[in-house]
C-alpha atoms as a PDB file:
ATOM      1  CA  MET A   1       3.050 -13.673 -15.709  1.00  0.00           C
ATOM      2  CA  ILE A   2       5.183 -10.614 -15.053  1.00  0.00           C
ATOM      3  CA  ALA A   3       7.119  -9.464 -11.988  1.00  0.00           C
ATOM      4  CA  ILE A   4       7.332  -6.030 -10.398  1.00  0.00           C
ATOM      5  CA  ASP A   5       9.674  -4.316  -7.968  1.00  0.00           C
ATOM      6  CA  THR A   6       8.955  -2.272  -4.859  1.00  0.00           C
ATOM      7  CA  GLN A   7       8.319   1.146  -6.381  1.00  0.00           C
ATOM      8  CA  VAL A   8       6.023  -0.274  -9.043  1.00  0.00           C
ATOM      9  CA  LEU A   9       4.025  -2.047  -6.332  1.00  0.00           C
ATOM     10  CA  ILE A  10       3.736   1.120  -4.251  1.00  0.00           C
ATOM     11  CA  TRP A  11       2.607   3.219  -7.216  1.00  0.00           C
ATOM     12  CA  GLY A  12       0.208   0.583  -8.528  1.00  0.00           C
ATOM     13  CA  PHE A  13      -1.198  -0.830  -5.288  1.00  0.00           C
ATOM     14  CA  LYS A  14      -1.124   2.135  -2.918  1.00  0.00           C
ATOM     15  CA  LYS A  15      -1.495   4.657  -5.760  1.00  0.00           C
ATOM     16  CA  THR A  16       0.817   7.076  -3.989  1.00  0.00           C
ATOM     17  CA  ALA A  17       4.088   8.738  -4.924  1.00  0.00           C
ATOM     18  CA  THR A  18       6.323  11.567  -3.856  1.00  0.00           C
ATOM     19  CA  PRO A  19       5.442  14.884  -5.522  1.00  0.00           C
ATOM     20  CA  ASN A  20       8.200  14.574  -8.130  1.00  0.00           C
ATOM     21  CA  ARG A  21       7.094  11.016  -9.088  1.00  0.00           C
ATOM     22  CA  GLN A  22       3.300  11.462  -9.304  1.00  0.00           C
ATOM     23  CA  HIS A  23       3.398  10.612 -13.029  1.00  0.00           C
ATOM     24  CA  MET A  24       4.570   7.105 -12.089  1.00  0.00           C
ATOM     25  CA  VAL A  25       1.176   6.299 -10.526  1.00  0.00           C
ATOM     26  CA  ALA A  26      -0.424   6.579 -13.984  1.00  0.00           C
ATOM     27  CA  LYS A  27       2.316   4.420 -15.513  1.00  0.00           C
ATOM     28  CA  ALA A  28       1.845   1.713 -12.881  1.00  0.00           C
ATOM     29  CA  ALA A  29      -1.922   1.903 -13.363  1.00  0.00           C
ATOM     30  CA  GLU A  30      -1.391   1.376 -17.103  1.00  0.00           C
ATOM     31  CA  LEU A  31       0.731  -1.717 -16.447  1.00  0.00           C
ATOM     32  CA  PHE A  32      -1.878  -3.119 -14.032  1.00  0.00           C
ATOM     33  CA  ARG A  33      -4.596  -2.372 -16.621  1.00  0.00           C
ATOM     34  CA  GLN A  34      -2.668  -4.234 -19.333  1.00  0.00           C
ATOM     35  CA  VAL A  35      -2.094  -7.223 -17.067  1.00  0.00           C
ATOM     36  CA  SER A  36      -5.781  -7.335 -16.141  1.00  0.00           C
ATOM     37  CA  GLU A  37      -6.869  -6.962 -19.775  1.00  0.00           C
ATOM     38  CA  GLN A  38      -4.616  -9.861 -20.775  1.00  0.00           C
ATOM     39  CA  ARG A  39      -5.901 -11.883 -17.797  1.00  0.00           C
ATOM     40  CA  ASP A  40      -2.318 -12.271 -16.692  1.00  0.00           C
ATOM     41  CA  LYS A  41      -0.881 -12.306 -13.156  1.00  0.00           C
ATOM     42  CA  ILE A  42       1.746 -10.327 -11.291  1.00  0.00           C
ATOM     43  CA  LEU A  43       4.488 -11.989  -9.259  1.00  0.00           C
ATOM     44  CA  ILE A  44       5.975 -10.091  -6.356  1.00  0.00           C
ATOM     45  CA  PRO A  45       9.154 -11.421  -4.723  1.00  0.00           C
ATOM     46  CA  SER A  46       8.695 -11.840  -0.963  1.00  0.00           C
ATOM     47  CA  LEU A  47      11.634  -9.492  -0.345  1.00  0.00           C
ATOM     48  CA  VAL A  48       9.716  -6.768  -2.185  1.00  0.00           C
ATOM     49  CA  ILE A  49       6.756  -7.412   0.108  1.00  0.00           C
ATOM     50  CA  SER A  50       8.994  -6.895   3.141  1.00  0.00           C
ATOM     51  CA  GLU A  51      10.248  -3.596   1.715  1.00  0.00           C
ATOM     52  CA  VAL A  52       6.657  -2.407   1.297  1.00  0.00           C
ATOM     53  CA  LEU A  53       5.387  -3.666   4.666  1.00  0.00           C
ATOM     54  CA  VAL A  54       8.085  -1.840   6.624  1.00  0.00           C
ATOM     55  CA  LYS A  55       6.136   1.419   6.147  1.00  0.00           C
ATOM     56  CA  TYR A  56       3.072   0.032   7.940  1.00  0.00           C
ATOM     57  CA  SER A  57       2.422  -0.331  11.661  1.00  0.00           C
ATOM     58  CA  ASP A  58       2.427  -3.769  13.303  1.00  0.00           C
ATOM     59  CA  ASP A  59      -1.377  -3.889  13.484  1.00  0.00           C
ATOM     60  CA  VAL A  60      -1.880  -2.943   9.814  1.00  0.00           C
ATOM     61  CA  ARG A  61       0.781  -5.229   8.274  1.00  0.00           C
ATOM     62  CA  PRO A  62      -1.322  -8.444   8.408  1.00  0.00           C
ATOM     63  CA  VAL A  63      -4.233  -6.668   6.706  1.00  0.00           C
ATOM     64  CA  VAL A  64      -2.011  -5.291   3.934  1.00  0.00           C
ATOM     65  CA  LEU A  65      -0.283  -8.653   3.500  1.00  0.00           C
ATOM     66  CA  ALA A  66      -3.649 -10.411   3.163  1.00  0.00           C
ATOM     67  CA  GLU A  67      -4.763  -7.865   0.560  1.00  0.00           C
ATOM     68  CA  LEU A  68      -1.512  -8.267  -1.385  1.00  0.00           C
ATOM     69  CA  GLY A  69      -1.921 -12.041  -1.245  1.00  0.00           C
ATOM     70  CA  LYS A  70      -5.409 -11.764  -2.795  1.00  0.00           C
ATOM     71  CA  SER A  71      -4.189  -9.567  -5.634  1.00  0.00           C
ATOM     72  CA  PHE A  72      -0.742 -10.960  -6.481  1.00  0.00           C
ATOM     73  CA  PHE A  73       1.337 -14.122  -6.468  1.00  0.00           C
ATOM     74  CA  ILE A  74       3.902 -13.645  -3.684  1.00  0.00           C
ATOM     75  CA  ALA A  75       6.974 -15.712  -4.529  1.00  0.00           C
ATOM     76  CA  PRO A  76       9.194 -16.878  -1.676  1.00  0.00           C
ATOM     77  CA  PHE A  77      12.963 -16.699  -1.686  1.00  0.00           C
ATOM     78  CA  ASP A  78      13.253 -20.484  -1.698  1.00  0.00           C
ATOM     79  CA  ALA A  79      16.005 -23.040  -2.412  1.00  0.00           C
ATOM     80  CA  PRO A  80      15.917 -22.632  -6.237  1.00  0.00           C
ATOM     81  CA  ALA A  81      16.071 -18.849  -5.840  1.00  0.00           C
ATOM     82  CA  ALA A  82      18.931 -19.191  -3.348  1.00  0.00           C
ATOM     83  CA  ALA A  83      20.905 -21.325  -5.816  1.00  0.00           C
ATOM     84  CA  ILE A  84      20.415 -18.723  -8.561  1.00  0.00           C
ATOM     85  CA  ALA A  85      21.344 -15.909  -6.173  1.00  0.00           C
ATOM     86  CA  ALA A  86      24.554 -17.719  -5.191  1.00  0.00           C
ATOM     87  CA  LYS A  87      25.470 -18.161  -8.855  1.00  0.00           C
ATOM     88  CA  LEU A  88      24.832 -14.482  -9.583  1.00  0.00           C
ATOM     89  CA  TYR A  89      26.655 -13.231  -6.512  1.00  0.00           C
ATOM     90  CA  ALA A  90      29.630 -15.484  -7.323  1.00  0.00           C
ATOM     91  CA  ASP A  91      29.938 -13.532 -10.591  1.00  0.00           C
ATOM     92  CA  ARG A  92      31.785 -10.712  -8.851  1.00  0.00           C
ATOM     93  CA  SER A  93      32.780  -8.866 -12.011  1.00  0.00           C
ATOM     94  CA  THR A  94      29.138  -8.292 -12.997  1.00  0.00           C
ATOM     95  CA  TRP A  95      27.881  -7.003  -9.667  1.00  0.00           C
ATOM     96  CA  LYS A  96      31.035  -4.936  -9.141  1.00  0.00           C
ATOM     97  CA  ALA A  97      30.556  -3.300 -12.545  1.00  0.00           C
ATOM     98  CA  SER A  98      26.992  -2.451 -11.547  1.00  0.00           C
ATOM     99  CA  ARG A  99      28.161  -1.159  -8.157  1.00  0.00           C
ATOM    100  CA  ASP A 100      30.775   1.047  -9.818  1.00  0.00           C
ATOM    101  CA  ALA A 101      28.249   2.387 -12.333  1.00  0.00           C
ATOM    102  CA  THR A 102      25.459   3.110  -9.846  1.00  0.00           C
ATOM    103  CA  GLY A 103      27.118   3.549  -6.459  1.00  0.00           C
ATOM    104  CA  ASN A 104      24.989   0.763  -5.002  1.00  0.00           C
ATOM    105  CA  SER A 105      26.204  -0.706  -1.714  1.00  0.00           C
ATOM    106  CA  ARG A 106      27.230  -4.346  -1.401  1.00  0.00           C
ATOM    107  CA  GLN A 107      24.357  -5.001   1.017  1.00  0.00           C
ATOM    108  CA  CYS A 108      21.777  -3.543  -1.382  1.00  0.00           C
ATOM    109  CA  ILE A 109      23.286  -5.568  -4.226  1.00  0.00           C
ATOM    110  CA  LYS A 110      22.781  -8.761  -2.190  1.00  0.00           C
ATOM    111  CA  VAL A 111      19.100  -7.920  -1.681  1.00  0.00           C
ATOM    112  CA  ASP A 112      18.660  -6.928  -5.333  1.00  0.00           C
ATOM    113  CA  ILE A 113      20.306 -10.167  -6.492  1.00  0.00           C
ATOM    114  CA  SER A 114      17.933 -12.105  -4.214  1.00  0.00           C
ATOM    115  CA  ILE A 115      14.934 -10.277  -5.696  1.00  0.00           C
ATOM    116  CA  LEU A 116      16.168 -10.931  -9.240  1.00  0.00           C
ATOM    117  CA  ALA A 117      16.882 -14.584  -8.395  1.00  0.00           C
ATOM    118  CA  THR A 118      13.319 -15.009  -7.115  1.00  0.00           C
ATOM    119  CA  VAL A 119      11.995 -13.724 -10.434  1.00  0.00           C
ATOM    120  CA  ALA A 120      14.347 -16.002 -12.378  1.00  0.00           C
ATOM    121  CA  ALA A 121      13.537 -19.072 -10.246  1.00  0.00           C
ATOM    122  CA  ASN A 122       9.892 -18.634 -11.185  1.00  0.00           C
ATOM    123  CA  SER A 123      10.734 -18.367 -14.908  1.00  0.00           C
ATOM    124  CA  ILE A 124       9.203 -14.924 -15.234  1.00  0.00           C
ATOM    125  CA  PRO A 125      10.340 -13.374 -18.528  1.00  0.00           C
ATOM    126  CA  SER A 126       9.463  -9.712 -17.815  1.00  0.00           C
ATOM    127  CA  PHE A 127      10.464  -7.770 -14.708  1.00  0.00           C
ATOM    128  CA  TYR A 128       9.223  -4.178 -14.377  1.00  0.00           C
ATOM    129  CA  VAL A 129      11.669  -2.048 -12.416  1.00  0.00           C
ATOM    130  CA  GLU A 130      11.972   1.697 -11.886  1.00  0.00           C
ATOM    131  CA  ASP A 131      14.825   1.584  -9.358  1.00  0.00           C
ATOM    132  CA  ASN A 132      17.871   2.559 -11.426  1.00  0.00           C
ATOM    133  CA  ARG A 133      20.310   0.466  -9.398  1.00  0.00           C
ATOM    134  CA  LEU A 134      18.252  -2.732  -9.626  1.00  0.00           C
ATOM    135  CA  PHE A 135      17.510  -2.003 -13.284  1.00  0.00           C
ATOM    136  CA  ASP A 136      21.240  -1.769 -14.058  1.00  0.00           C
ATOM    137  CA  LEU A 137      22.029  -4.939 -12.131  1.00  0.00           C
ATOM    138  CA  ALA A 138      19.175  -6.933 -13.704  1.00  0.00           C
ATOM    139  CA  LYS A 139      20.149  -5.756 -17.173  1.00  0.00           C
ATOM    140  CA  ARG A 140      23.751  -6.881 -16.657  1.00  0.00           C
ATOM    141  CA  TYR A 141      22.583 -10.319 -15.490  1.00  0.00           C
ATOM    142  CA  GLY A 142      19.899 -10.647 -18.198  1.00  0.00           C
ATOM    143  CA  SER A 143      21.603 -13.395 -20.196  1.00  0.00           C
ATOM    144  CA  LYS A 144      22.235 -15.430 -17.028  1.00  0.00           C
ATOM    145  CA  THR A 145      18.688 -15.169 -15.716  1.00  0.00           C
ATOM    146  CA  ASN A 146      16.590 -15.071 -18.906  1.00  0.00           C
ATOM    147  CA  VAL A 147      14.751 -12.161 -17.313  1.00  0.00           C
ATOM    148  CA  LYS A 148      14.129  -9.063 -19.405  1.00  0.00           C
ATOM    149  CA  VAL A 149      14.115  -5.969 -17.234  1.00  0.00           C
ATOM    150  CA  MET A 150      11.677  -3.315 -18.385  1.00  0.00           C
ATOM    151  CA  ARG A 151      10.449   0.159 -17.522  1.00  0.00           C
ATOM    152  CA  LEU A 152       6.789   0.954 -16.957  1.00  0.00           C
ATOM    153  CA  PRO A 153       4.683   1.602 -20.053  1.00  0.00           C
ATOM    154  CA  GLU A 154       3.421   5.054 -20.890  1.00  0.00           C
ATOM    155  CA  PRO A 155      -0.295   5.522 -20.293  1.00  0.00           C
ATOM    156  CA  PRO A 156      -2.348   6.216 -23.431  1.00  0.00           C
ATOM    157  CA  ALA A 157      -2.465   9.810 -24.582  1.00  0.00           C
ATOM    158  CA  LYS A 158      -5.484  11.769 -23.411  1.00  0.00           C
ATOM    159  CA  GLN A 159      -7.723  13.809 -25.638  1.00  0.00           C
ATOM    160  CA  THR A 160      -7.753  17.505 -24.798  1.00  0.00           C
ATOM    161  CA  SER A 161     -11.518  17.841 -25.434  1.00  0.00           C
ATOM    162  CA  PHE A 162     -14.410  15.744 -26.625  1.00  0.00           C
ATOM    163  CA  LEU A 163     -14.366  17.694 -29.916  1.00  0.00           C
ATOM    164  CA  ASP A 164     -10.811  16.640 -30.642  1.00  0.00           C
ATOM    165  CA  ASP A 165     -10.627  13.086 -31.943  1.00  0.00           C
ATOM    166  CA  THR A 166      -6.832  13.118 -32.144  1.00  0.00           C
ATOM    167  CA  PRO A 167      -5.083  12.071 -28.927  1.00  0.00           C
ATOM    168  CA  LYS A 168      -2.354  14.455 -27.774  1.00  0.00           C
END
């Protein structure tokens, strides 16, 4: 099982991106393809779900949530995750170093630590993140969580024509 963050979910599930991030839809699709090919599953922390659902209207949220629940394992921020989050947040030097490096606010760091703790509480070894602030934080806490933070894979190269058997 792997875990994904908010942006990866939006690009892979909704298949939408801002104009300057359109290439990320193909990267997320490649990750989802690999997971499906390996018959693996994707964990999504419940806090990530809330970040995604905020963009939907009240009447559409239950439909989207049901669809997400069919496609992914939604992990709650439960007591084991809370204990891990408390341990991580108590390590002030690590989150402050991340805050200083990225400019992340204390409130966002608390949410990001809770997301990371949810992944760690579920013993998920690989966490795909494209948010630079969460990536930095998760990388700094890697040895304490046993979670390897990763970027999305590149999609396979495309052939320029059917006559060309060498991918470009």
